[in-house]
């Protein structure tokens, strides 16, 4: 029974990643309109700044959480 469940899980993962890879293909002669529009207006830098700020906040939170957990483990 475990082998069947493992095989079904592996097959579903392979199918999922295959579909995700196919969803990202674009037409070679068609440019990405959203990225070009944001880049021409200068808004892409705002998007990048927001993403970097969010990631920096998450990393800072994880580091502080790790410090608190290690302090509790030492007690």
PDB file of N, CA and C in Angstrom:
ATOM      1  N   UNK A   1       0.827  -1.198   0.000  1.00  0.00           N
ATOM      2  CA  UNK A   1       0.000   0.000   0.000  1.00  0.00           C
ATOM      3  C   UNK A   1       0.866   1.255   0.000  1.00  0.00           C
ATOM      4  N   UNK A   2       1.957   1.227   0.781  1.00  0.00           N
ATOM      5  CA  UNK A   2       2.837   2.393   0.837  1.00  0.00           C
ATOM      6  C   UNK A   2       3.507   2.638  -0.507  1.00  0.00           C
ATOM      7  N   UNK A   3       3.833   1.551  -1.218  1.00  0.00           N
ATOM      8  CA  UNK A   3       4.479   1.698  -2.523  1.00  0.00           C
ATOM      9  C   UNK A   3       3.538   2.363  -3.519  1.00  0.00           C
ATOM     10  N   UNK A   4       2.272   2.027  -3.440  1.00  0.00           N
ATOM     11  CA  UNK A   4       1.290   2.614  -4.351  1.00  0.00           C
ATOM     12  C   UNK A   4       1.132   4.105  -4.054  1.00  0.00           C
ATOM     13  N   UNK A   5       1.049   4.446  -2.786  1.00  0.00           N
ATOM     14  CA  UNK A   5       0.896   5.851  -2.402  1.00  0.00           C
ATOM     15  C   UNK A   5       2.146   6.635  -2.796  1.00  0.00           C
ATOM     16  N   UNK A   6       3.330   6.046  -2.588  1.00  0.00           N
ATOM     17  CA  UNK A   6       4.570   6.720  -2.962  1.00  0.00           C
ATOM     18  C   UNK A   6       4.648   6.912  -4.477  1.00  0.00           C
ATOM     19  N   UNK A   7       4.228   5.892  -5.229  1.00  0.00           N
ATOM     20  CA  UNK A   7       4.264   5.991  -6.687  1.00  0.00           C
ATOM     21  C   UNK A   7       3.281   7.051  -7.181  1.00  0.00           C
ATOM     22  N   UNK A   8       2.096   7.096  -6.602  1.00  0.00           N
ATOM     23  CA  UNK A   8       1.119   8.110  -6.992  1.00  0.00           C
ATOM     24  C   UNK A   8       1.605   9.512  -6.636  1.00  0.00           C
ATOM     25  N   UNK A   9       2.229   9.649  -5.484  1.00  0.00           N
ATOM     26  CA  UNK A   9       2.767  10.950  -5.080  1.00  0.00           C
ATOM     27  C   UNK A   9       3.876  11.408  -6.010  1.00  0.00           C
ATOM     28  N   UNK A  10       4.773  10.491  -6.360  1.00  0.00           N
ATOM     29  CA  UNK A  10       5.865  10.840  -7.265  1.00  0.00           C
ATOM     30  C   UNK A  10       5.328  11.200  -8.646  1.00  0.00           C
ATOM     31  N   UNK A  11       4.341  10.451  -9.113  1.00  0.00           N
ATOM     32  CA  UNK A  11       3.769  10.727 -10.421  1.00  0.00           C
ATOM     33  C   UNK A  11       3.055  12.078 -10.435  1.00  0.00           C
ATOM     34  N   UNK A  12       2.354  12.401  -9.353  1.00  0.00           N
ATOM     35  CA  UNK A  12       1.662  13.693  -9.305  1.00  0.00           C
ATOM     36  C   UNK A  12       2.656  14.851  -9.253  1.00  0.00           C
ATOM     37  N   UNK A  13       3.781  14.669  -8.552  1.00  0.00           N
ATOM     38  CA  UNK A  13       4.799  15.719  -8.530  1.00  0.00           C
ATOM     39  C   UNK A  13       5.398  15.936  -9.909  1.00  0.00           C
ATOM     40  N   UNK A  14       5.683  14.845 -10.605  1.00  0.00           N
ATOM     41  CA  UNK A  14       6.248  14.967 -11.948  1.00  0.00           C
ATOM     42  C   UNK A  14       5.263  15.670 -12.877  1.00  0.00           C
ATOM     43  N   UNK A  15       3.994  15.304 -12.808  1.00  0.00           N
ATOM     44  CA  UNK A  15       2.994  15.948 -13.655  1.00  0.00           C
ATOM     45  C   UNK A  15       2.831  17.423 -13.305  1.00  0.00           C
ATOM     46  N   UNK A  16       2.875  17.738 -12.010  1.00  0.00           N
ATOM     47  CA  UNK A  16       2.744  19.135 -11.578  1.00  0.00           C
ATOM     48  C   UNK A  16       3.880  19.978 -12.116  1.00  0.00           C
ATOM     49  N   UNK A  17       5.122  19.491 -11.978  1.00  0.00           N
ATOM     50  CA  UNK A  17       6.266  20.259 -12.458  1.00  0.00           C
ATOM     51  C   UNK A  17       6.271  20.357 -13.979  1.00  0.00           C
ATOM     52  N   UNK A  18       5.773  19.343 -14.651  1.00  0.00           N
ATOM     53  CA  UNK A  18       5.686  19.390 -16.093  1.00  0.00           C
ATOM     54  C   UNK A  18       4.691  20.460 -16.536  1.00  0.00           C
ATOM     55  N   UNK A  19       3.547  20.525 -15.883  1.00  0.00           N
ATOM     56  CA  UNK A  19       2.548  21.542 -16.220  1.00  0.00           C
ATOM     57  C   UNK A  19       3.050  22.943 -15.890  1.00  0.00           C
ATOM     58  N   UNK A  20       3.774  23.069 -14.778  1.00  0.00           N
ATOM     59  CA  UNK A  20       4.307  24.379 -14.407  1.00  0.00           C
ATOM     60  C   UNK A  20       5.336  24.849 -15.428  1.00  0.00           C
ATOM     61  N   UNK A  21       6.136  23.925 -15.948  1.00  0.00           N
ATOM     62  CA  UNK A  21       7.136  24.298 -16.952  1.00  0.00           C
ATOM     63  C   UNK A  21       6.456  24.687 -18.262  1.00  0.00           C
ATOM     64  N   UNK A  22       5.399  24.007 -18.629  1.00  0.00           N
ATOM     65  CA  UNK A  22       4.697  24.339 -19.861  1.00  0.00           C
ATOM     66  C   UNK A  22       3.956  25.666 -19.759  1.00  0.00           C
ATOM     67  N   UNK A  23       3.533  26.022 -18.560  1.00  0.00           N
ATOM     68  CA  UNK A  23       2.789  27.263 -18.378  1.00  0.00           C
ATOM     69  C   UNK A  23       3.686  28.485 -18.524  1.00  0.00           C
ATOM     70  N   UNK A  24       4.994  28.310 -18.426  1.00  0.00           N
ATOM     71  CA  UNK A  24       5.899  29.441 -18.479  1.00  0.00           C
ATOM     72  C   UNK A  24       6.454  29.702 -19.864  1.00  0.00           C
ATOM     73  N   UNK A  25       6.102  28.907 -20.826  1.00  0.00           N
ATOM     74  CA  UNK A  25       6.609  29.139 -22.173  1.00  0.00           C
ATOM     75  C   UNK A  25       5.860  30.301 -22.816  1.00  0.00           C
ATOM     76  N   UNK A  26       6.591  31.114 -23.546  1.00  0.00           N
ATOM     77  CA  UNK A  26       5.985  32.235 -24.255  1.00  0.00           C
ATOM     78  C   UNK A  26       6.293  32.101 -25.740  1.00  0.00           C
ATOM     79  N   UNK A  27       5.581  32.839 -26.509  1.00  0.00           N
ATOM     80  CA  UNK A  27       5.833  32.843 -27.939  1.00  0.00           C
ATOM     81  C   UNK A  27       7.139  33.584 -28.194  1.00  0.00           C
ATOM     82  N   UNK A  28       8.023  33.071 -29.042  1.00  0.00           N
ATOM     83  CA  UNK A  28       9.328  33.720 -29.233  1.00  0.00           C
ATOM     84  C   UNK A  28       9.246  35.100 -29.863  1.00  0.00           C
ATOM     85  N   UNK A  29       8.230  35.373 -30.672  1.00  0.00           N
ATOM     86  CA  UNK A  29       8.134  36.678 -31.316  1.00  0.00           C
ATOM     87  C   UNK A  29       7.265  37.671 -30.553  1.00  0.00           C
ATOM     88  N   UNK A  30       6.738  37.241 -29.415  1.00  0.00           N
ATOM     89  CA  UNK A  30       5.837  38.094 -28.637  1.00  0.00           C
ATOM     90  C   UNK A  30       6.533  38.552 -27.355  1.00  0.00           C
ATOM     91  N   UNK A  31       6.803  39.865 -27.190  1.00  0.00           N
ATOM     92  CA  UNK A  31       7.461  40.329 -25.959  1.00  0.00           C
ATOM     93  C   UNK A  31       6.500  40.312 -24.774  1.00  0.00           C
ATOM     94  N   UNK A  32       7.061  40.321 -23.582  1.00  0.00           N
ATOM     95  CA  UNK A  32       6.256  40.361 -22.366  1.00  0.00           C
ATOM     96  C   UNK A  32       5.809  41.801 -22.162  1.00  0.00           C
ATOM     97  N   UNK A  33       4.519  42.036 -22.298  1.00  0.00           N
ATOM     98  CA  UNK A  33       4.011  43.411 -22.315  1.00  0.00           C
ATOM     99  C   UNK A  33       4.040  44.069 -20.941  1.00  0.00           C
ATOM    100  N   UNK A  34       3.733  43.305 -19.891  1.00  0.00           N
ATOM    101  CA  UNK A  34       3.676  43.909 -18.567  1.00  0.00           C
ATOM    102  C   UNK A  34       5.059  44.373 -18.127  1.00  0.00           C
ATOM    103  N   UNK A  35       6.077  43.533 -18.330  1.00  0.00           N
ATOM    104  CA  UNK A  35       7.425  43.903 -17.915  1.00  0.00           C
ATOM    105  C   UNK A  35       7.941  45.093 -18.717  1.00  0.00           C
ATOM    106  N   UNK A  36       7.678  45.113 -20.013  1.00  0.00           N
ATOM    107  CA  UNK A  36       8.136  46.237 -20.828  1.00  0.00           C
ATOM    108  C   UNK A  36       7.441  47.527 -20.428  1.00  0.00           C
ATOM    109  N   UNK A  37       6.155  47.445 -20.130  1.00  0.00           N
ATOM    110  CA  UNK A  37       5.419  48.642 -19.719  1.00  0.00           C
ATOM    111  C   UNK A  37       5.895  49.178 -18.389  1.00  0.00           C
ATOM    112  N   UNK A  38       6.135  48.291 -17.436  1.00  0.00           N
ATOM    113  CA  UNK A  38       6.607  48.741 -16.119  1.00  0.00           C
ATOM    114  C   UNK A  38       8.030  49.271 -16.201  1.00  0.00           C
ATOM    115  N   UNK A  39       8.847  48.659 -17.045  1.00  0.00           N
ATOM    116  CA  UNK A  39      10.222  49.122 -17.188  1.00  0.00           C
ATOM    117  C   UNK A  39      10.263  50.492 -17.849  1.00  0.00           C
ATOM    118  N   UNK A  40       9.407  50.718 -18.829  1.00  0.00           N
ATOM    119  CA  UNK A  40       9.416  52.008 -19.518  1.00  0.00           C
ATOM    120  C   UNK A  40       8.890  53.129 -18.622  1.00  0.00           C
ATOM    121  N   UNK A  41       7.983  52.816 -17.711  1.00  0.00           N
ATOM    122  CA  UNK A  41       7.443  53.830 -16.795  1.00  0.00           C
ATOM    123  C   UNK A  41       8.289  54.000 -15.547  1.00  0.00           C
ATOM    124  N   UNK A  42       9.245  53.109 -15.315  1.00  0.00           N
ATOM    125  CA  UNK A  42      10.077  53.195 -14.126  1.00  0.00           C
ATOM    126  C   UNK A  42       9.440  52.561 -12.909  1.00  0.00           C
ATOM    127  N   UNK A  43       8.301  51.904 -13.074  1.00  0.00           N
ATOM    128  CA  UNK A  43       7.617  51.286 -11.935  1.00  0.00           C
ATOM    129  C   UNK A  43       8.245  49.963 -11.530  1.00  0.00           C
ATOM    130  N   UNK A  44       9.052  49.376 -12.407  1.00  0.00           N
ATOM    131  CA  UNK A  44       9.670  48.097 -12.083  1.00  0.00           C
ATOM    132  C   UNK A  44      10.598  48.245 -10.881  1.00  0.00           C
ATOM    133  N   UNK A  45      11.203  49.415 -10.723  1.00  0.00           N
ATOM    134  CA  UNK A  45      12.090  49.643  -9.591  1.00  0.00           C
ATOM    135  C   UNK A  45      11.313  49.688  -8.282  1.00  0.00           C
ATOM    136  N   UNK A  46      10.102  50.177  -8.321  1.00  0.00           N
ATOM    137  CA  UNK A  46       9.243  50.181  -7.133  1.00  0.00           C
ATOM    138  C   UNK A  46       8.882  48.747  -6.753  1.00  0.00           C
ATOM    139  N   UNK A  47       8.570  47.934  -7.742  1.00  0.00           N
ATOM    140  CA  UNK A  47       8.226  46.534  -7.485  1.00  0.00           C
ATOM    141  C   UNK A  47       9.419  45.806  -6.886  1.00  0.00           C
ATOM    142  N   UNK A  48      10.603  46.017  -7.451  1.00  0.00           N
ATOM    143  CA  UNK A  48      11.812  45.371  -6.940  1.00  0.00           C
ATOM    144  C   UNK A  48      12.097  45.837  -5.517  1.00  0.00           C
ATOM    145  N   UNK A  49      11.930  47.119  -5.239  1.00  0.00           N
ATOM    146  CA  UNK A  49      12.175  47.640  -3.893  1.00  0.00           C
ATOM    147  C   UNK A  49      11.203  47.040  -2.879  1.00  0.00           C
ATOM    148  N   UNK A  50       9.952  46.888  -3.257  1.00  0.00           N
ATOM    149  CA  UNK A  50       8.961  46.299  -2.344  1.00  0.00           C
ATOM    150  C   UNK A  50       9.287  44.830  -2.075  1.00  0.00           C
ATOM    151  N   UNK A  51       9.657  44.099  -3.110  1.00  0.00           N
ATOM    152  CA  UNK A  51       9.992  42.683  -2.933  1.00  0.00           C
ATOM    153  C   UNK A  51      11.224  42.530  -2.046  1.00  0.00           C
ATOM    154  N   UNK A  52      12.236  43.353  -2.268  1.00  0.00           N
ATOM    155  CA  UNK A  52      13.446  43.284  -1.436  1.00  0.00           C
ATOM    156  C   UNK A  52      13.136  43.651   0.003  1.00  0.00           C
ATOM    157  N   UNK A  53      12.278  44.643   0.220  1.00  0.00           N
ATOM    158  CA  UNK A  53      11.895  45.034   1.576  1.00  0.00           C
ATOM    159  C   UNK A  53      11.157  43.903   2.286  1.00  0.00           C
ATOM    160  N   UNK A  54      10.250  43.252   1.594  1.00  0.00           N
ATOM    161  CA  UNK A  54       9.504  42.141   2.192  1.00  0.00           C
ATOM    162  C   UNK A  54      10.440  40.987   2.532  1.00  0.00           C
ATOM    163  N   UNK A  55      11.343  40.644   1.612  1.00  0.00           N
ATOM    164  CA  UNK A  55      12.283  39.552   1.874  1.00  0.00           C
ATOM    165  C   UNK A  55      13.236  39.892   3.012  1.00  0.00           C
ATOM    166  N   UNK A  56      13.693  41.137   3.082  1.00  0.00           N
ATOM    167  CA  UNK A  56      14.576  41.542   4.179  1.00  0.00           C
ATOM    168  C   UNK A  56      13.845  41.451   5.519  1.00  0.00           C
ATOM    169  N   UNK A  57      12.585  41.851   5.535  1.00  0.00           N
ATOM    170  CA  UNK A  57      11.796  41.736   6.771  1.00  0.00           C
ATOM    171  C   UNK A  57      11.602  40.285   7.188  1.00  0.00           C
ATOM    172  N   UNK A  58      11.339  39.419   6.225  1.00  0.00           N
ATOM    173  CA  UNK A  58      11.188  37.995   6.551  1.00  0.00           C
ATOM    174  C   UNK A  58      12.476  37.407   7.085  1.00  0.00           C
ATOM    175  N   UNK A  59      13.614  37.739   6.466  1.00  0.00           N
ATOM    176  CA  UNK A  59      14.894  37.226   6.957  1.00  0.00           C
ATOM    177  C   UNK A  59      15.201  37.762   8.349  1.00  0.00           C
ATOM    178  N   UNK A  60      14.925  39.036   8.592  1.00  0.00           N
ATOM    179  CA  UNK A  60      15.164  39.603   9.925  1.00  0.00           C
ATOM    180  C   UNK A  60      14.285  38.918  10.964  1.00  0.00           C
ATOM    181  N   UNK A  61      13.046  38.652  10.620  1.00  0.00           N
ATOM    182  CA  UNK A  61      12.147  37.956  11.537  1.00  0.00           C
ATOM    183  C   UNK A  61      12.644  36.541  11.821  1.00  0.00           C
ATOM    184  N   UNK A  62      13.086  35.829  10.784  1.00  0.00           N
ATOM    185  CA  UNK A  62      13.592  34.471  10.988  1.00  0.00           C
ATOM    186  C   UNK A  62      14.853  34.456  11.836  1.00  0.00           C
ATOM    187  N   UNK A  63      15.731  35.428  11.641  1.00  0.00           N
ATOM    188  CA  UNK A  63      16.953  35.493  12.454  1.00  0.00           C
ATOM    189  C   UNK A  63      16.612  35.775  13.904  1.00  0.00           C
ATOM    190  N   UNK A  64      15.699  36.713  14.145  1.00  0.00           N
ATOM    191  CA  UNK A  64      15.328  37.010  15.542  1.00  0.00           C
ATOM    192  C   UNK A  64      14.606  35.830  16.176  1.00  0.00           C
ATOM    193  N   UNK A  65      13.792  35.133  15.407  1.00  0.00           N
ATOM    194  CA  UNK A  65      13.105  33.959  15.925  1.00  0.00           C
ATOM    195  C   UNK A  65      14.097  32.854  16.260  1.00  0.00           C
ATOM    196  N   UNK A  66      15.114  32.687  15.423  1.00  0.00           N
ATOM    197  CA  UNK A  66      16.141  31.680  15.683  1.00  0.00           C
ATOM    198  C   UNK A  66      16.917  32.008  16.950  1.00  0.00           C
ATOM    199  N   UNK A  67      17.212  33.281  17.158  1.00  0.00           N
ATOM    200  CA  UNK A  67      17.923  33.681  18.371  1.00  0.00           C
ATOM    201  C   UNK A  67      17.079  33.406  19.612  1.00  0.00           C
ATOM    202  N   UNK A  68      15.786  33.694  19.541  1.00  0.00           N
ATOM    203  CA  UNK A  68      14.909  33.446  20.688  1.00  0.00           C
ATOM    204  C   UNK A  68      14.798  31.963  20.981  1.00  0.00           C
ATOM    205  N   UNK A  69      14.699  31.151  19.945  1.00  0.00           N
ATOM    206  CA  UNK A  69      14.578  29.705  20.140  1.00  0.00           C
ATOM    207  C   UNK A  69      15.870  29.138  20.715  1.00  0.00           C
ATOM    208  N   UNK A  70      17.014  29.589  20.202  1.00  0.00           N
ATOM    209  CA  UNK A  70      18.288  29.074  20.736  1.00  0.00           C
ATOM    210  C   UNK A  70      18.490  29.515  22.181  1.00  0.00           C
ATOM    211  N   UNK A  71      18.007  30.718  22.536  1.00  0.00           N
ATOM    212  CA  UNK A  71      18.099  31.179  23.928  1.00  0.00           C
ATOM    213  C   UNK A  71      17.224  30.302  24.832  1.00  0.00           C
ATOM    214  N   UNK A  72      16.035  29.922  24.359  1.00  0.00           N
ATOM    215  CA  UNK A  72      15.169  29.048  25.144  1.00  0.00           C
ATOM    216  C   UNK A  72      15.743  27.633  25.256  1.00  0.00           C
ATOM    217  N   UNK A  73      16.412  27.167  24.218  1.00  0.00           N
ATOM    218  CA  UNK A  73      17.003  25.832  24.267  1.00  0.00           C
ATOM    219  C   UNK A  73      18.146  25.772  25.252  1.00  0.00           C
ATOM    220  N   UNK A  74      18.869  26.867  25.421  1.00  0.00           N
ATOM    221  CA  UNK A  74      20.005  26.881  26.340  1.00  0.00           C
ATOM    222  C   UNK A  74      19.571  26.918  27.798  1.00  0.00           C
ATOM    223  N   UNK A  75      18.351  27.360  28.076  1.00  0.00           N
ATOM    224  CA  UNK A  75      17.886  27.449  29.471  1.00  0.00           C
ATOM    225  C   UNK A  75      17.563  26.113  30.045  1.00  0.00           C
TER     226      UNK A  75
END
